[in-house]
């Protein structure tokens, strides 16, 4: 990696000392290999929600029982900034909730 600051060039060289030829991986406490970053997907359009998409939102919709009281369960929907900018977020949430409601028989 080369960093240029006011005409002076600084070079950084990264070294990794490993006893074996195995690559570095993230592991949890149980020793299972976990990914470093798992991006979300827009529930309405299946677009990837990148780390720089600051207009994206994640909404939890609560489930109700027969008497209309919240039972502690919820469904999570993620919407990307593109969907929100196009004005399709409301219709997307309506469509997704109708589909989810049919799945959970609410």
N, C-alpha and C. Protein backbone atom coordinates (compact mmCIF):
# COMPACT_ATOMS: atom_id res chain seq x y z
N UNK A 1 0.85 -1.16 0.00
CA UNK A 1 0.00 0.00 0.00
C UNK A 1 0.90 1.23 0.00
N UNK A 2 0.61 2.18 -0.83
CA UNK A 2 1.40 3.41 -0.92
C UNK A 2 0.50 4.57 -0.54
N UNK A 3 0.98 5.42 0.36
CA UNK A 3 0.23 6.57 0.82
C UNK A 3 1.00 7.82 0.46
N UNK A 4 0.39 8.73 -0.28
CA UNK A 4 1.08 9.95 -0.70
C UNK A 4 0.57 11.11 0.15
N UNK A 5 1.50 11.74 0.85
CA UNK A 5 1.15 12.87 1.70
C UNK A 5 2.07 14.03 1.34
N UNK A 6 1.54 15.08 0.74
CA UNK A 6 2.29 16.29 0.39
C UNK A 6 3.58 15.98 -0.35
N UNK A 7 3.56 15.08 -1.31
CA UNK A 7 4.72 14.79 -2.13
C UNK A 7 5.67 13.77 -1.54
N UNK A 8 5.51 13.39 -0.28
CA UNK A 8 6.37 12.38 0.34
C UNK A 8 5.65 11.04 0.22
N UNK A 9 6.37 10.02 -0.18
CA UNK A 9 5.76 8.71 -0.36
C UNK A 9 6.15 7.81 0.81
N UNK A 10 5.13 7.29 1.49
CA UNK A 10 5.34 6.33 2.57
C UNK A 10 4.85 4.97 2.07
N UNK A 11 5.63 3.96 2.25
CA UNK A 11 5.25 2.62 1.81
C UNK A 11 5.08 1.75 3.05
N UNK A 12 3.95 1.08 3.11
CA UNK A 12 3.66 0.17 4.21
C UNK A 12 3.68 -1.25 3.68
N UNK A 13 4.43 -2.10 4.31
CA UNK A 13 4.49 -3.51 3.93
C UNK A 13 3.94 -4.31 5.09
N UNK A 14 2.95 -5.13 4.80
CA UNK A 14 2.31 -5.93 5.83
C UNK A 14 2.86 -7.35 5.77
N UNK A 15 3.30 -7.85 6.91
CA UNK A 15 3.81 -9.21 7.00
C UNK A 15 2.87 -10.05 7.83
N UNK A 16 2.78 -11.31 7.49
CA UNK A 16 1.98 -12.26 8.25
C UNK A 16 2.85 -13.48 8.52
N UNK A 17 3.11 -13.73 9.79
CA UNK A 17 3.88 -14.91 10.15
C UNK A 17 2.92 -16.00 10.58
N UNK A 18 2.87 -17.06 9.81
CA UNK A 18 1.99 -18.18 10.12
C UNK A 18 2.83 -19.45 10.14
N UNK A 19 2.52 -20.35 11.07
CA UNK A 19 3.24 -21.61 11.16
C UNK A 19 2.86 -22.54 10.02
N UNK A 20 1.65 -22.44 9.54
CA UNK A 20 1.20 -23.30 8.45
C UNK A 20 0.80 -22.42 7.26
N UNK A 21 0.46 -23.05 6.16
CA UNK A 21 0.07 -22.31 4.97
C UNK A 21 -1.42 -22.02 4.95
N UNK A 22 -2.09 -22.22 6.04
CA UNK A 22 -3.52 -22.02 6.09
C UNK A 22 -3.83 -20.52 6.19
N UNK A 23 -4.88 -20.07 5.52
CA UNK A 23 -5.24 -18.66 5.53
C UNK A 23 -5.90 -18.28 6.84
N UNK A 24 -5.87 -17.00 7.14
CA UNK A 24 -6.49 -16.51 8.37
C UNK A 24 -7.99 -16.49 8.21
N UNK A 25 -8.71 -17.02 9.18
CA UNK A 25 -10.16 -17.09 9.12
C UNK A 25 -10.74 -16.69 10.47
N UNK A 26 -11.94 -16.13 10.43
CA UNK A 26 -12.64 -15.79 11.67
C UNK A 26 -13.30 -17.04 12.22
N UNK A 27 -13.13 -17.27 13.53
CA UNK A 27 -13.76 -18.41 14.19
C UNK A 27 -14.47 -17.91 15.43
N UNK A 28 -15.61 -18.53 15.73
CA UNK A 28 -16.32 -18.17 16.95
C UNK A 28 -15.81 -19.03 18.11
N UNK A 29 -16.44 -18.94 19.27
CA UNK A 29 -15.97 -19.65 20.45
C UNK A 29 -16.05 -21.16 20.31
N UNK A 30 -16.96 -21.66 19.47
CA UNK A 30 -17.09 -23.10 19.26
C UNK A 30 -16.10 -23.61 18.22
N UNK A 31 -15.34 -22.73 17.60
CA UNK A 31 -14.38 -23.14 16.59
C UNK A 31 -14.95 -23.18 15.18
N UNK A 32 -16.20 -22.77 15.01
CA UNK A 32 -16.81 -22.76 13.68
C UNK A 32 -16.31 -21.54 12.91
N UNK A 33 -16.06 -21.72 11.63
CA UNK A 33 -15.58 -20.62 10.79
C UNK A 33 -16.75 -19.72 10.45
N UNK A 34 -16.59 -18.43 10.71
CA UNK A 34 -17.64 -17.45 10.42
C UNK A 34 -17.11 -16.45 9.39
N UNK A 35 -18.00 -15.87 8.64
CA UNK A 35 -17.62 -14.89 7.63
C UNK A 35 -17.29 -13.56 8.30
N UNK A 36 -16.44 -12.78 7.67
CA UNK A 36 -16.07 -11.48 8.21
C UNK A 36 -17.20 -10.47 8.04
N UNK A 37 -17.89 -10.52 6.92
CA UNK A 37 -18.95 -9.55 6.65
C UNK A 37 -20.01 -10.23 5.79
N UNK A 38 -21.24 -10.19 6.23
CA UNK A 38 -22.35 -10.74 5.46
C UNK A 38 -23.29 -9.59 5.14
N UNK A 39 -23.33 -9.15 3.89
CA UNK A 39 -24.20 -8.02 3.55
C UNK A 39 -25.67 -8.41 3.56
N UNK A 40 -26.53 -7.44 3.87
CA UNK A 40 -27.97 -7.68 3.83
C UNK A 40 -28.48 -7.54 2.41
N UNK A 41 -29.67 -8.07 2.17
CA UNK A 41 -30.32 -7.92 0.87
C UNK A 41 -31.64 -7.21 1.09
N UNK A 42 -32.01 -6.40 0.12
CA UNK A 42 -33.29 -5.70 0.17
C UNK A 42 -34.41 -6.73 0.06
N UNK A 43 -35.36 -6.66 0.95
CA UNK A 43 -36.47 -7.62 0.95
C UNK A 43 -37.38 -7.43 -0.25
N UNK A 44 -37.47 -6.22 -0.77
CA UNK A 44 -38.38 -5.95 -1.88
C UNK A 44 -37.76 -6.25 -3.24
N UNK A 45 -36.46 -5.96 -3.42
CA UNK A 45 -35.85 -6.09 -4.74
C UNK A 45 -34.71 -7.10 -4.80
N UNK A 46 -34.31 -7.66 -3.70
CA UNK A 46 -33.18 -8.60 -3.60
C UNK A 46 -31.85 -7.97 -4.00
N UNK A 47 -31.75 -6.65 -3.98
CA UNK A 47 -30.47 -5.97 -4.20
C UNK A 47 -29.62 -6.08 -2.94
N UNK A 48 -28.30 -6.13 -3.10
CA UNK A 48 -27.42 -6.10 -1.95
C UNK A 48 -27.44 -4.72 -1.33
N UNK A 49 -27.48 -4.66 -0.02
CA UNK A 49 -27.40 -3.39 0.69
C UNK A 49 -25.95 -3.24 1.13
N UNK A 50 -25.25 -2.35 0.48
CA UNK A 50 -23.83 -2.17 0.75
C UNK A 50 -23.61 -1.38 2.04
N UNK A 51 -22.38 -1.36 2.48
CA UNK A 51 -22.05 -0.64 3.70
C UNK A 51 -22.21 0.87 3.53
N UNK A 52 -22.12 1.36 2.31
CA UNK A 52 -22.23 2.79 2.03
C UNK A 52 -23.66 3.24 1.74
N UNK A 53 -24.62 2.35 1.80
CA UNK A 53 -26.02 2.69 1.54
C UNK A 53 -26.64 3.22 2.84
N UNK A 54 -26.47 4.51 3.07
CA UNK A 54 -26.93 5.11 4.32
C UNK A 54 -28.42 5.44 4.31
N UNK A 55 -29.08 5.24 3.19
CA UNK A 55 -30.52 5.49 3.10
C UNK A 55 -31.32 4.22 3.36
N UNK A 56 -30.65 3.09 3.57
CA UNK A 56 -31.35 1.83 3.80
C UNK A 56 -31.92 1.79 5.22
N UNK A 57 -33.01 1.04 5.37
CA UNK A 57 -33.64 0.88 6.68
C UNK A 57 -33.97 -0.59 6.91
N UNK A 58 -34.08 -0.94 8.17
CA UNK A 58 -34.52 -2.28 8.56
C UNK A 58 -35.71 -2.10 9.49
N UNK A 59 -36.83 -2.72 9.17
CA UNK A 59 -38.08 -2.52 9.90
C UNK A 59 -38.53 -3.83 10.49
N UNK A 60 -38.87 -3.82 11.78
CA UNK A 60 -39.45 -4.98 12.45
C UNK A 60 -40.96 -4.76 12.56
N UNK A 61 -41.75 -5.69 12.02
CA UNK A 61 -43.21 -5.60 12.07
C UNK A 61 -43.68 -6.63 13.09
N UNK A 62 -44.37 -6.16 14.13
CA UNK A 62 -44.81 -7.05 15.21
C UNK A 62 -45.98 -7.92 14.82
N UNK A 63 -46.03 -9.12 15.38
CA UNK A 63 -47.14 -10.05 15.16
C UNK A 63 -48.15 -9.90 16.29
N UNK A 64 -49.43 -10.01 15.95
CA UNK A 64 -50.50 -9.88 16.93
C UNK A 64 -51.24 -11.20 17.05
N UNK A 65 -51.83 -11.44 18.24
CA UNK A 65 -52.66 -12.64 18.40
C UNK A 65 -54.09 -12.31 17.96
N UNK A 66 -55.02 -13.23 18.20
CA UNK A 66 -56.40 -13.05 17.73
C UNK A 66 -57.08 -11.85 18.35
N UNK A 67 -56.70 -11.47 19.58
CA UNK A 67 -57.33 -10.34 20.24
C UNK A 67 -56.65 -9.01 19.93
N UNK A 68 -55.62 -9.03 19.08
CA UNK A 68 -54.95 -7.80 18.69
C UNK A 68 -53.85 -7.37 19.64
N UNK A 69 -53.33 -8.29 20.46
CA UNK A 69 -52.27 -7.98 21.42
C UNK A 69 -50.94 -8.51 20.87
N UNK A 70 -49.89 -7.72 21.00
CA UNK A 70 -48.56 -8.10 20.53
C UNK A 70 -48.09 -9.34 21.30
N UNK A 71 -47.65 -10.37 20.57
CA UNK A 71 -47.26 -11.62 21.22
C UNK A 71 -45.75 -11.81 21.36
N UNK A 72 -44.96 -10.79 21.08
CA UNK A 72 -43.52 -10.87 21.26
C UNK A 72 -42.75 -11.33 20.03
N UNK A 73 -43.43 -11.69 18.97
CA UNK A 73 -42.75 -12.10 17.74
C UNK A 73 -42.81 -10.98 16.72
N UNK A 74 -41.86 -10.99 15.79
CA UNK A 74 -41.84 -9.97 14.75
C UNK A 74 -41.19 -10.51 13.49
N UNK A 75 -41.44 -9.85 12.38
CA UNK A 75 -40.81 -10.14 11.10
C UNK A 75 -39.94 -8.95 10.72
N UNK A 76 -38.76 -9.22 10.19
CA UNK A 76 -37.81 -8.17 9.84
C UNK A 76 -37.76 -8.01 8.33
N UNK A 77 -37.86 -6.77 7.88
CA UNK A 77 -37.76 -6.43 6.47
C UNK A 77 -36.68 -5.37 6.30
N UNK A 78 -35.82 -5.53 5.31
CA UNK A 78 -34.77 -4.55 5.00
C UNK A 78 -35.07 -3.93 3.64
N UNK A 79 -34.97 -2.62 3.57
CA UNK A 79 -35.21 -1.90 2.31
C UNK A 79 -33.97 -1.09 1.95
N UNK A 80 -33.54 -1.20 0.71
CA UNK A 80 -32.36 -0.46 0.26
C UNK A 80 -32.73 0.99 -0.04
N UNK A 81 -31.74 1.84 -0.11
CA UNK A 81 -31.97 3.24 -0.40
C UNK A 81 -32.55 3.48 -1.78
N UNK A 82 -32.21 2.63 -2.75
CA UNK A 82 -32.75 2.78 -4.10
C UNK A 82 -34.27 2.61 -4.10
N UNK A 83 -34.77 1.61 -3.39
CA UNK A 83 -36.22 1.37 -3.31
C UNK A 83 -36.91 2.55 -2.64
N UNK A 84 -36.30 3.07 -1.59
CA UNK A 84 -36.89 4.21 -0.89
C UNK A 84 -36.86 5.46 -1.76
N UNK A 85 -35.79 5.67 -2.53
CA UNK A 85 -35.69 6.85 -3.38
C UNK A 85 -36.69 6.81 -4.53
N UNK A 86 -37.03 5.63 -5.01
CA UNK A 86 -38.01 5.49 -6.09
C UNK A 86 -39.44 5.63 -5.59
N UNK A 87 -39.64 5.62 -4.28
CA UNK A 87 -40.98 5.73 -3.72
C UNK A 87 -41.71 4.40 -3.66
N UNK A 88 -40.99 3.30 -3.77
CA UNK A 88 -41.61 1.98 -3.77
C UNK A 88 -41.55 1.29 -2.42
N UNK A 89 -41.10 1.97 -1.39
CA UNK A 89 -40.93 1.33 -0.09
C UNK A 89 -42.27 0.94 0.53
N UNK A 90 -43.26 1.82 0.44
CA UNK A 90 -44.56 1.55 1.05
C UNK A 90 -45.24 0.36 0.38
N UNK A 91 -45.28 0.36 -0.94
CA UNK A 91 -45.91 -0.76 -1.64
C UNK A 91 -45.11 -2.05 -1.45
N UNK A 92 -43.79 -1.92 -1.33
CA UNK A 92 -42.96 -3.10 -1.08
C UNK A 92 -43.23 -3.72 0.28
N UNK A 93 -43.35 -2.88 1.30
CA UNK A 93 -43.66 -3.38 2.65
C UNK A 93 -45.06 -4.00 2.67
N UNK A 94 -46.03 -3.36 2.01
CA UNK A 94 -47.39 -3.92 1.94
C UNK A 94 -47.38 -5.31 1.29
N UNK A 95 -46.69 -5.42 0.16
CA UNK A 95 -46.63 -6.70 -0.55
C UNK A 95 -45.92 -7.77 0.28
N UNK A 96 -44.79 -7.40 0.91
CA UNK A 96 -44.05 -8.36 1.73
C UNK A 96 -44.85 -8.79 2.96
N UNK A 97 -45.56 -7.84 3.58
CA UNK A 97 -46.32 -8.18 4.78
C UNK A 97 -47.51 -9.08 4.43
N UNK A 98 -48.18 -8.82 3.31
CA UNK A 98 -49.29 -9.69 2.91
C UNK A 98 -48.80 -11.12 2.67
N UNK A 99 -47.65 -11.25 2.05
CA UNK A 99 -47.07 -12.57 1.81
C UNK A 99 -46.69 -13.25 3.13
N UNK A 100 -46.07 -12.49 4.03
CA UNK A 100 -45.65 -13.04 5.33
C UNK A 100 -46.86 -13.40 6.18
N UNK A 101 -47.91 -12.56 6.12
CA UNK A 101 -49.11 -12.80 6.90
C UNK A 101 -49.78 -14.10 6.48
N UNK A 102 -49.76 -14.39 5.19
CA UNK A 102 -50.33 -15.65 4.70
C UNK A 102 -49.50 -16.84 5.18
N UNK A 103 -48.18 -16.66 5.30
CA UNK A 103 -47.31 -17.74 5.76
C UNK A 103 -47.54 -18.07 7.23
N UNK A 104 -47.75 -17.03 8.06
CA UNK A 104 -47.90 -17.27 9.50
C UNK A 104 -49.36 -17.39 9.91
N UNK A 105 -50.28 -17.28 8.96
CA UNK A 105 -51.72 -17.43 9.21
C UNK A 105 -52.22 -16.41 10.22
N UNK A 106 -51.89 -15.14 10.00
CA UNK A 106 -52.35 -14.09 10.91
C UNK A 106 -53.45 -13.30 10.26
